[in-house]
């Protein structure tokens, strides 16, 4: 398995009474991301009250992230998802590349460059 080059953390608050609609769009997003070769992980984490959700994504290369950002999951399904949830936080870890960095900044995302650590 490839070691991810770029990670995203997306924090969402689901609108009251919208969980089922949110779940349906999230399932579509996962299915769409599954077809992207460079998407290594696309994991949804849900609070016990089903009001708060975290989406953790990882991509093999910055080009894979860019392809995802330009693809149907982001371009078509994210707007649908945001009808049912509020985007609270959007963080990128690693180097997303210049084009993706500009796109992510335009979405209000914050980029954290690798500083130090261990990766195997």
Protein backbone atom coordinates (compact mmCIF):
# COMPACT_ATOMS: atom_id res chain seq x y z
CA UNK A 1 0.00 0.00 0.00
CA UNK A 2 1.25 3.47 -0.88
CA UNK A 3 2.06 5.95 1.87
CA UNK A 4 -0.28 8.95 1.53
CA UNK A 5 1.26 12.24 0.48
CA UNK A 6 -1.68 14.47 1.39
CA UNK A 7 -4.40 14.20 4.04
CA UNK A 8 -7.61 16.18 4.48
CA UNK A 9 -9.73 16.58 7.59
CA UNK A 10 -13.23 17.94 7.04
CA UNK A 11 -15.37 18.75 10.09
CA UNK A 12 -19.14 19.00 9.58
CA UNK A 13 -22.19 19.68 11.74
CA UNK A 14 -25.30 17.98 10.41
CA UNK A 15 -28.46 20.10 10.35
CA UNK A 16 -31.31 18.98 12.61
CA UNK A 17 -33.53 16.43 10.91
CA UNK A 18 -31.16 16.05 7.93
CA UNK A 19 -29.14 12.99 8.90
CA UNK A 20 -30.81 10.61 6.42
CA UNK A 21 -30.30 13.02 3.51
CA UNK A 22 -26.71 13.66 4.64
CA UNK A 23 -26.07 9.91 4.85
CA UNK A 24 -27.32 9.37 1.30
CA UNK A 25 -25.02 12.01 -0.17
CA UNK A 26 -22.09 10.74 1.93
CA UNK A 27 -22.63 7.26 0.52
CA UNK A 28 -22.61 8.67 -3.03
CA UNK A 29 -19.39 10.54 -2.26
CA UNK A 30 -17.74 7.38 -0.95
CA UNK A 31 -18.79 5.40 -4.01
CA UNK A 32 -17.44 8.10 -6.31
CA UNK A 33 -14.16 8.36 -4.42
CA UNK A 34 -13.74 4.60 -4.55
CA UNK A 35 -13.32 4.82 -8.34
CA UNK A 36 -10.41 7.29 -8.00
CA UNK A 37 -7.15 5.32 -8.13
CA UNK A 38 -5.17 7.86 -6.09
CA UNK A 39 -7.71 8.11 -3.28
CA UNK A 40 -6.19 5.89 -0.60
CA UNK A 41 -8.75 6.47 2.15
CA UNK A 42 -12.10 8.20 2.45
CA UNK A 43 -13.42 7.60 5.95
CA UNK A 44 -16.46 9.12 7.65
CA UNK A 45 -16.51 9.30 11.46
CA UNK A 46 -19.77 10.10 13.24
CA UNK A 47 -20.48 11.29 16.79
CA UNK A 48 -22.84 9.18 18.88
CA UNK A 49 -25.59 11.82 18.62
CA UNK A 50 -25.23 11.79 14.78
CA UNK A 51 -24.82 15.58 14.70
CA UNK A 52 -21.07 15.89 14.13
CA UNK A 53 -19.10 14.20 11.39
CA UNK A 54 -15.46 14.09 10.38
CA UNK A 55 -14.32 13.07 6.92
CA UNK A 56 -10.70 11.92 6.80
CA UNK A 57 -9.23 11.61 3.31
CA UNK A 58 -5.80 10.61 2.03
CA UNK A 59 -4.28 10.82 -1.44
CA UNK A 60 -1.20 9.18 -2.91
CA UNK A 61 0.07 12.34 -4.63
CA UNK A 62 -0.84 16.01 -4.95
CA UNK A 63 -2.02 15.25 -8.51
CA UNK A 64 -4.47 12.68 -7.12
CA UNK A 65 -5.86 15.28 -4.73
CA UNK A 66 -6.21 17.76 -7.60
CA UNK A 67 -8.07 15.17 -9.67
CA UNK A 68 -10.44 14.60 -6.74
CA UNK A 69 -11.04 18.33 -6.29
CA UNK A 70 -11.85 18.71 -9.99
CA UNK A 71 -13.93 15.53 -10.16
CA UNK A 72 -17.65 14.90 -9.69
CA UNK A 73 -17.43 14.06 -5.97
CA UNK A 74 -16.34 17.60 -5.10
CA UNK A 75 -17.87 19.51 -7.98
CA UNK A 76 -21.34 17.88 -7.89
CA UNK A 77 -21.80 16.14 -4.56
CA UNK A 78 -20.16 18.50 -2.04
CA UNK A 79 -22.70 21.26 -2.82
CA UNK A 80 -25.48 18.72 -2.20
CA UNK A 81 -23.88 17.62 1.08
CA UNK A 82 -23.66 21.23 2.28
CA UNK A 83 -27.43 21.55 1.95
CA UNK A 84 -27.63 19.16 4.91
CA UNK A 85 -24.58 20.16 6.97
CA UNK A 86 -22.41 23.11 7.89
CA UNK A 87 -18.69 23.05 7.12
CA UNK A 88 -16.97 23.86 10.42
CA UNK A 89 -13.32 23.20 9.59
CA UNK A 90 -11.29 22.06 6.62
CA UNK A 91 -7.62 21.22 7.04
CA UNK A 92 -4.98 19.83 4.70
CA UNK A 93 -1.86 18.06 5.94
CA UNK A 94 1.15 17.79 3.63
CA UNK A 95 1.91 19.50 0.33
CA UNK A 96 -1.20 19.61 -1.87
CA UNK A 97 0.62 21.28 -4.78
CA UNK A 98 0.12 24.84 -6.03
CA UNK A 99 -3.17 24.37 -7.90
CA UNK A 100 -4.87 22.35 -5.18
CA UNK A 101 -3.55 24.74 -2.51
CA UNK A 102 -5.22 27.66 -4.30
CA UNK A 103 -8.49 25.73 -4.60
CA UNK A 104 -8.41 24.66 -0.94
CA UNK A 105 -7.66 28.20 0.23
CA UNK A 106 -10.62 29.40 -1.82
CA UNK A 107 -12.80 26.97 0.12
CA UNK A 108 -11.56 28.39 3.41
CA UNK A 109 -9.22 25.50 4.10
CA UNK A 110 -6.06 25.77 6.14
CA UNK A 111 -2.90 24.00 4.99
CA UNK A 112 -0.40 22.50 7.44
CA UNK A 113 2.97 21.65 5.88
CA UNK A 114 4.93 18.69 7.20
CA UNK A 115 7.33 19.89 9.81
CA UNK A 116 8.76 16.82 11.48
CA UNK A 117 7.82 13.31 12.48
CA UNK A 118 7.98 9.69 11.43
CA UNK A 119 6.27 8.05 8.47
CA UNK A 120 6.70 4.43 7.38
